[in-house]
C-alpha atoms as a PDB file:
ATOM      1  CA  UNK A   1     111.844 -59.505 -19.968  1.00  0.00           C
ATOM      2  CA  UNK A   2     112.770 -55.805 -20.365  1.00  0.00           C
ATOM      3  CA  UNK A   3     112.322 -54.407 -23.814  1.00  0.00           C
ATOM      4  CA  UNK A   4     115.795 -52.353 -24.813  1.00  0.00           C
ATOM      5  CA  UNK A   5     114.874 -49.124 -25.471  1.00  0.00           C
ATOM      6  CA  UNK A   6     117.613 -47.876 -27.631  1.00  0.00           C
ATOM      7  CA  UNK A   7     117.434 -50.540 -29.561  1.00  0.00           C
ATOM      8  CA  UNK A   8     113.975 -49.589 -30.617  1.00  0.00           C
ATOM      9  CA  UNK A   9     114.523 -46.223 -31.746  1.00  0.00           C
ATOM     10  CA  UNK A  10     117.356 -46.616 -33.636  1.00  0.00           C
ATOM     11  CA  UNK A  11     115.257 -49.437 -35.709  1.00  0.00           C
ATOM     12  CA  UNK A  12     112.320 -46.810 -35.664  1.00  0.00           C
ATOM     13  CA  UNK A  13     115.437 -44.608 -37.089  1.00  0.00           C
ATOM     14  CA  UNK A  14     116.354 -46.725 -39.733  1.00  0.00           C
ATOM     15  CA  UNK A  15     112.555 -47.273 -40.967  1.00  0.00           C
ATOM     16  CA  UNK A  16     111.873 -43.654 -41.367  1.00  0.00           C
ATOM     17  CA  UNK A  17     115.131 -43.066 -43.345  1.00  0.00           C
ATOM     18  CA  UNK A  18     114.643 -45.966 -45.415  1.00  0.00           C
ATOM     19  CA  UNK A  19     111.177 -44.413 -46.110  1.00  0.00           C
ATOM     20  CA  UNK A  20     111.604 -40.956 -46.369  1.00  0.00           C
ATOM     21  CA  UNK A  21     114.843 -41.685 -48.621  1.00  0.00           C
ATOM     22  CA  UNK A  22     112.711 -43.371 -50.948  1.00  0.00           C
ATOM     23  CA  UNK A  23     109.818 -40.886 -50.871  1.00  0.00           C
ATOM     24  CA  UNK A  24     112.495 -38.161 -51.636  1.00  0.00           C
ATOM     25  CA  UNK A  25     113.728 -40.430 -54.840  1.00  0.00           C
ATOM     26  CA  UNK A  26     110.130 -41.041 -56.096  1.00  0.00           C
ATOM     27  CA  UNK A  27     109.394 -37.363 -55.664  1.00  0.00           C
ATOM     28  CA  UNK A  28     112.913 -36.942 -57.471  1.00  0.00           C
ATOM     29  CA  UNK A  29     112.353 -38.963 -60.071  1.00  0.00           C
ATOM     30  CA  UNK A  30     108.623 -37.579 -60.844  1.00  0.00           C
ATOM     31  CA  UNK A  31     109.911 -34.140 -61.523  1.00  0.00           C
ATOM     32  CA  UNK A  32     110.389 -32.768 -64.900  1.00  0.00           C
ATOM     33  CA  UNK A  33     112.832 -29.881 -65.084  1.00  0.00           C
ATOM     34  CA  UNK A  34     112.194 -27.308 -67.325  1.00  0.00           C
ATOM     35  CA  UNK A  35     115.543 -26.089 -69.856  1.00  0.00           C
ATOM     36  CA  UNK A  36     115.385 -22.819 -71.682  1.00  0.00           C
ATOM     37  CA  UNK A  37     117.197 -21.693 -74.835  1.00  0.00           C
ATOM     38  CA  UNK A  38     116.892 -18.542 -76.737  1.00  0.00           C
ATOM     39  CA  UNK A  39     117.968 -20.479 -79.723  1.00  0.00           C
ATOM     40  CA  UNK A  40     116.941 -22.712 -82.198  1.00  0.00           C
ATOM     41  CA  UNK A  41     118.273 -25.457 -80.560  1.00  0.00           C
ATOM     42  CA  UNK A  42     121.278 -26.602 -78.673  1.00  0.00           C
ATOM     43  CA  UNK A  43     123.427 -29.536 -78.902  1.00  0.00           C
ATOM     44  CA  UNK A  44     123.840 -32.595 -76.429  1.00  0.00           C
ATOM     45  CA  UNK A  45     126.797 -31.444 -75.165  1.00  0.00           C
ATOM     46  CA  UNK A  46     125.107 -27.855 -74.621  1.00  0.00           C
ATOM     47  CA  UNK A  47     122.995 -29.470 -72.069  1.00  0.00           C
ATOM     48  CA  UNK A  48     125.423 -31.800 -70.518  1.00  0.00           C
ATOM     49  CA  UNK A  49     127.315 -28.971 -70.073  1.00  0.00           C
ATOM     50  CA  UNK A  50     124.306 -26.415 -69.195  1.00  0.00           C
ATOM     51  CA  UNK A  51     123.176 -28.861 -66.436  1.00  0.00           C
ATOM     52  CA  UNK A  52     126.256 -29.133 -65.070  1.00  0.00           C
ATOM     53  CA  UNK A  53     126.778 -33.086 -65.783  1.00  0.00           C
ATOM     54  CA  UNK A  54     130.260 -32.346 -67.407  1.00  0.00           C
ATOM     55  CA  UNK A  55     132.348 -29.330 -66.854  1.00  0.00           C
ATOM     56  CA  UNK A  56     133.255 -29.003 -70.479  1.00  0.00           C
ATOM     57  CA  UNK A  57     132.123 -29.947 -74.268  1.00  0.00           C
ATOM     58  CA  UNK A  58     134.802 -32.144 -74.261  1.00  0.00           C
ATOM     59  CA  UNK A  59     133.793 -34.410 -71.737  1.00  0.00           C
ATOM     60  CA  UNK A  60     130.744 -35.018 -72.900  1.00  0.00           C
ATOM     61  CA  UNK A  61     132.293 -38.465 -75.559  1.00  0.00           C
ATOM     62  CA  UNK A  62     133.547 -40.246 -72.317  1.00  0.00           C
ATOM     63  CA  UNK A  63     130.296 -39.234 -70.181  1.00  0.00           C
ATOM     64  CA  UNK A  64     127.947 -40.806 -73.230  1.00  0.00           C
ATOM     65  CA  UNK A  65     130.019 -43.716 -73.221  1.00  0.00           C
ATOM     66  CA  UNK A  66     129.519 -44.440 -69.289  1.00  0.00           C
ATOM     67  CA  UNK A  67     126.168 -42.950 -69.110  1.00  0.00           C
ATOM     68  CA  UNK A  68     122.625 -43.946 -70.827  1.00  0.00           C
ATOM     69  CA  UNK A  69     121.277 -40.721 -72.543  1.00  0.00           C
ATOM     70  CA  UNK A  70     117.221 -41.661 -73.527  1.00  0.00           C
ATOM     71  CA  UNK A  71     116.147 -38.342 -76.117  1.00  0.00           C
ATOM     72  CA  UNK A  72     112.480 -38.784 -76.373  1.00  0.00           C
ATOM     73  CA  UNK A  73     112.063 -42.482 -75.668  1.00  0.00           C
ATOM     74  CA  UNK A  74     115.234 -43.552 -77.717  1.00  0.00           C
ATOM     75  CA  UNK A  75     119.275 -44.115 -76.430  1.00  0.00           C
ATOM     76  CA  UNK A  76     120.973 -41.277 -77.419  1.00  0.00           C
ATOM     77  CA  UNK A  77     124.791 -41.183 -77.323  1.00  0.00           C
ATOM     78  CA  UNK A  78     126.323 -38.261 -79.897  1.00  0.00           C
ATOM     79  CA  UNK A  79     127.623 -35.410 -78.635  1.00  0.00           C
ATOM     80  CA  UNK A  80     126.627 -33.149 -81.894  1.00  0.00           C
ATOM     81  CA  UNK A  81     122.781 -33.926 -81.741  1.00  0.00           C
ATOM     82  CA  UNK A  82     120.512 -30.999 -81.483  1.00  0.00           C
ATOM     83  CA  UNK A  83     118.000 -30.407 -78.702  1.00  0.00           C
ATOM     84  CA  UNK A  84     114.756 -28.657 -80.142  1.00  0.00           C
ATOM     85  CA  UNK A  85     111.943 -27.424 -77.782  1.00  0.00           C
ATOM     86  CA  UNK A  86     109.777 -29.996 -76.420  1.00  0.00           C
ATOM     87  CA  UNK A  87     112.396 -32.457 -77.139  1.00  0.00           C
ATOM     88  CA  UNK A  88     112.784 -34.453 -73.447  1.00  0.00           C
ATOM     89  CA  UNK A  89     115.990 -35.788 -71.773  1.00  0.00           C
ATOM     90  CA  UNK A  90     115.992 -39.167 -69.437  1.00  0.00           C
ATOM     91  CA  UNK A  91     119.448 -39.126 -67.464  1.00  0.00           C
ATOM     92  CA  UNK A  92     120.633 -40.336 -64.358  1.00  0.00           C
ATOM     93  CA  UNK A  93     117.090 -40.847 -63.209  1.00  0.00           C
ATOM     94  CA  UNK A  94     116.698 -37.381 -63.826  1.00  0.00           C
ATOM     95  CA  UNK A  95     113.537 -35.529 -66.718  1.00  0.00           C
ATOM     96  CA  UNK A  96     114.519 -32.328 -68.560  1.00  0.00           C
ATOM     97  CA  UNK A  97     112.394 -30.796 -71.379  1.00  0.00           C
ATOM     98  CA  UNK A  98     113.773 -28.295 -73.606  1.00  0.00           C
ATOM     99  CA  UNK A  99     111.491 -25.379 -74.211  1.00  0.00           C
ATOM    100  CA  UNK A 100     112.298 -22.449 -76.166  1.00  0.00           C
ATOM    101  CA  UNK A 101     112.255 -18.872 -74.894  1.00  0.00           C
ATOM    102  CA  UNK A 102     111.811 -16.855 -78.341  1.00  0.00           C
END
């Protein structure tokens, strides 16, 4: 029986894509992005706008209704919540830490 080389190549390529996409997602989720601020605190809405999750502050209310946001391990949905230095935010598989430059 003849082996179908084209079929084997397709299967190997699919396995390659699956394993590499898994590795990429794993590494991406393990990174903690540093967010630098110049003031004592930043609000959650300002943070979401700064990081590009929303286009304007008005969208924060609707975004927080749809997406789970964790602040220091607890769910947070208040757009006016103040984020201080060393606060950790988790959302959509990403982790961020607030760092005060002053």
